[in-house]
Amino acid sequence: MEKKEIIERIHTFLVDEFEVEADKIVPEANLKETLGLDSLDYIDLVVVIESNFAFKVKPEDFANITTFQDFCDYVVSRVNAKELV
């Protein structure tokens, strides 16, 4: 799966399922402060990631994810790692 396609899918489910305003979703947007995601949203986000991209998310993986770019980079790296296996 191409990086652009992954980012578009993430963008779409943030807007559709988490009601994030599309114009706020920029690479440097902070997931909590700018996009308004809280700890319950993070749990739902894990479920959405796992169902959309078919890999398991470890809670500790989120420790260093603060921005939309961090989040996209994480998903892209996990999808690419899965595809190499």
C-alpha atoms as a PDB file:
ATOM      1  CA  MET A   1       0.000   0.000   0.000  1.00  0.00           C
ATOM      2  CA  GLU A   2       1.335   3.414  -0.952  1.00  0.00           C
ATOM      3  CA  LYS A   3       2.101   6.042   1.706  1.00  0.00           C
ATOM      4  CA  LYS A   4      -0.305   8.512   0.078  1.00  0.00           C
ATOM      5  CA  GLU A   5      -3.153   5.988   0.214  1.00  0.00           C
ATOM      6  CA  ILE A   6      -2.452   5.234   3.888  1.00  0.00           C
ATOM      7  CA  ILE A   7      -2.477   8.937   4.780  1.00  0.00           C
ATOM      8  CA  GLU A   8      -5.719   9.475   2.865  1.00  0.00           C
ATOM      9  CA  ARG A   9      -7.376   6.569   4.710  1.00  0.00           C
ATOM     10  CA  ILE A  10      -6.222   7.925   8.077  1.00  0.00           C
ATOM     11  CA  HIS A  11      -7.483  11.400   7.154  1.00  0.00           C
ATOM     12  CA  THR A  12     -10.860   9.972   6.105  1.00  0.00           C
ATOM     13  CA  PHE A  13     -11.480   7.987   9.264  1.00  0.00           C
ATOM     14  CA  LEU A  14     -10.413  10.902  11.488  1.00  0.00           C
ATOM     15  CA  VAL A  15     -13.038  13.062   9.769  1.00  0.00           C
ATOM     16  CA  ASP A  16     -15.773  10.424   9.472  1.00  0.00           C
ATOM     17  CA  GLU A  17     -15.415   8.495  12.715  1.00  0.00           C
ATOM     18  CA  PHE A  18     -13.829  11.015  15.078  1.00  0.00           C
ATOM     19  CA  GLU A  19     -15.500  14.159  13.697  1.00  0.00           C
ATOM     20  CA  VAL A  20     -12.203  15.998  13.342  1.00  0.00           C
ATOM     21  CA  GLU A  21     -12.434  19.091  11.144  1.00  0.00           C
ATOM     22  CA  ALA A  22     -10.640  18.271   7.890  1.00  0.00           C
ATOM     23  CA  ASP A  23      -8.806  21.606   7.731  1.00  0.00           C
ATOM     24  CA  LYS A  24      -7.203  20.948  11.144  1.00  0.00           C
ATOM     25  CA  ILE A  25      -5.545  17.757   9.895  1.00  0.00           C
ATOM     26  CA  VAL A  26      -2.069  18.920   8.942  1.00  0.00           C
ATOM     27  CA  PRO A  27       1.249  17.129   9.544  1.00  0.00           C
ATOM     28  CA  GLU A  28       2.171  19.169  12.629  1.00  0.00           C
ATOM     29  CA  ALA A  29      -1.302  18.946  14.238  1.00  0.00           C
ATOM     30  CA  ASN A  30      -1.147  17.614  17.784  1.00  0.00           C
ATOM     31  CA  LEU A  31      -3.544  14.667  18.138  1.00  0.00           C
ATOM     32  CA  LYS A  32      -4.788  15.724  21.571  1.00  0.00           C
ATOM     33  CA  GLU A  33      -4.612  19.515  21.534  1.00  0.00           C
ATOM     34  CA  THR A  34      -5.316  20.367  17.895  1.00  0.00           C
ATOM     35  CA  LEU A  35      -7.438  17.432  16.772  1.00  0.00           C
ATOM     36  CA  GLY A  36      -9.210  17.006  20.121  1.00  0.00           C
ATOM     37  CA  LEU A  37      -8.600  13.276  20.572  1.00  0.00           C
ATOM     38  CA  ASP A  38      -8.792  12.029  24.158  1.00  0.00           C
ATOM     39  CA  SER A  39      -7.806   8.748  25.797  1.00  0.00           C
ATOM     40  CA  LEU A  40     -11.090   7.070  24.819  1.00  0.00           C
ATOM     41  CA  ASP A  41     -10.570   8.192  21.227  1.00  0.00           C
ATOM     42  CA  TYR A  42      -7.121   6.586  21.322  1.00  0.00           C
ATOM     43  CA  ILE A  43      -8.729   3.250  22.219  1.00  0.00           C
ATOM     44  CA  ASP A  44     -11.160   3.603  19.322  1.00  0.00           C
ATOM     45  CA  LEU A  45      -8.289   4.686  17.089  1.00  0.00           C
ATOM     46  CA  VAL A  46      -6.438   1.442  17.858  1.00  0.00           C
ATOM     47  CA  VAL A  47      -9.511  -0.567  16.828  1.00  0.00           C
ATOM     48  CA  VAL A  48      -9.854   1.420  13.596  1.00  0.00           C
ATOM     49  CA  ILE A  49      -6.153   1.021  12.775  1.00  0.00           C
ATOM     50  CA  GLU A  50      -6.229  -2.708  13.407  1.00  0.00           C
ATOM     51  CA  SER A  51      -9.326  -3.232  11.266  1.00  0.00           C
ATOM     52  CA  ASN A  52      -8.196  -0.943   8.413  1.00  0.00           C
ATOM     53  CA  PHE A  53      -4.560  -1.968   8.200  1.00  0.00           C
ATOM     54  CA  ALA A  54      -4.565  -5.523   9.633  1.00  0.00           C
ATOM     55  CA  PHE A  55      -1.851  -5.272  12.279  1.00  0.00           C
ATOM     56  CA  LYS A  56      -1.906  -5.272  16.078  1.00  0.00           C
ATOM     57  CA  VAL A  57      -1.085  -2.047  17.899  1.00  0.00           C
ATOM     58  CA  LYS A  58       0.882  -2.200  21.135  1.00  0.00           C
ATOM     59  CA  PRO A  59      -0.038   0.470  23.707  1.00  0.00           C
ATOM     60  CA  GLU A  60       3.613   1.424  24.121  1.00  0.00           C
ATOM     61  CA  ASP A  61       3.752   2.274  20.399  1.00  0.00           C
ATOM     62  CA  PHE A  62       1.670   5.364  21.137  1.00  0.00           C
ATOM     63  CA  ALA A  63       4.148   6.710  23.697  1.00  0.00           C
ATOM     64  CA  ASN A  64       6.067   8.770  21.125  1.00  0.00           C
ATOM     65  CA  ILE A  65       3.155   9.672  18.857  1.00  0.00           C
ATOM     66  CA  THR A  66       2.014  13.246  19.357  1.00  0.00           C
ATOM     67  CA  THR A  67       1.332  14.687  15.899  1.00  0.00           C
ATOM     68  CA  PHE A  68      -0.621  13.623  12.843  1.00  0.00           C
ATOM     69  CA  GLN A  69       2.723  13.139  11.046  1.00  0.00           C
ATOM     70  CA  ASP A  70       4.024  10.881  13.852  1.00  0.00           C
ATOM     71  CA  PHE A  71       0.842   8.847  13.619  1.00  0.00           C
ATOM     72  CA  CYS A  72       1.024   8.505   9.824  1.00  0.00           C
ATOM     73  CA  ASP A  73       4.714   7.570   9.962  1.00  0.00           C
ATOM     74  CA  TYR A  74       3.921   4.881  12.544  1.00  0.00           C
ATOM     75  CA  VAL A  75       1.108   3.348  10.467  1.00  0.00           C
ATOM     76  CA  VAL A  76       3.154   3.503   7.242  1.00  0.00           C
ATOM     77  CA  SER A  77       6.143   1.805   8.900  1.00  0.00           C
ATOM     78  CA  ARG A  78       3.955  -0.947  10.378  1.00  0.00           C
ATOM     79  CA  VAL A  79       2.136  -1.560   7.072  1.00  0.00           C
ATOM     80  CA  ASN A  80       5.439  -1.677   5.187  1.00  0.00           C
ATOM     81  CA  ALA A  81       6.972  -4.055   7.748  1.00  0.00           C
ATOM     82  CA  LYS A  82       3.933  -6.319   7.461  1.00  0.00           C
ATOM     83  CA  GLU A  83       4.163  -6.330   3.657  1.00  0.00           C
ATOM     84  CA  LEU A  84       7.823  -7.388   3.794  1.00  0.00           C
ATOM     85  CA  VAL A  85       7.018 -10.546   5.741  1.00  0.00           C
END
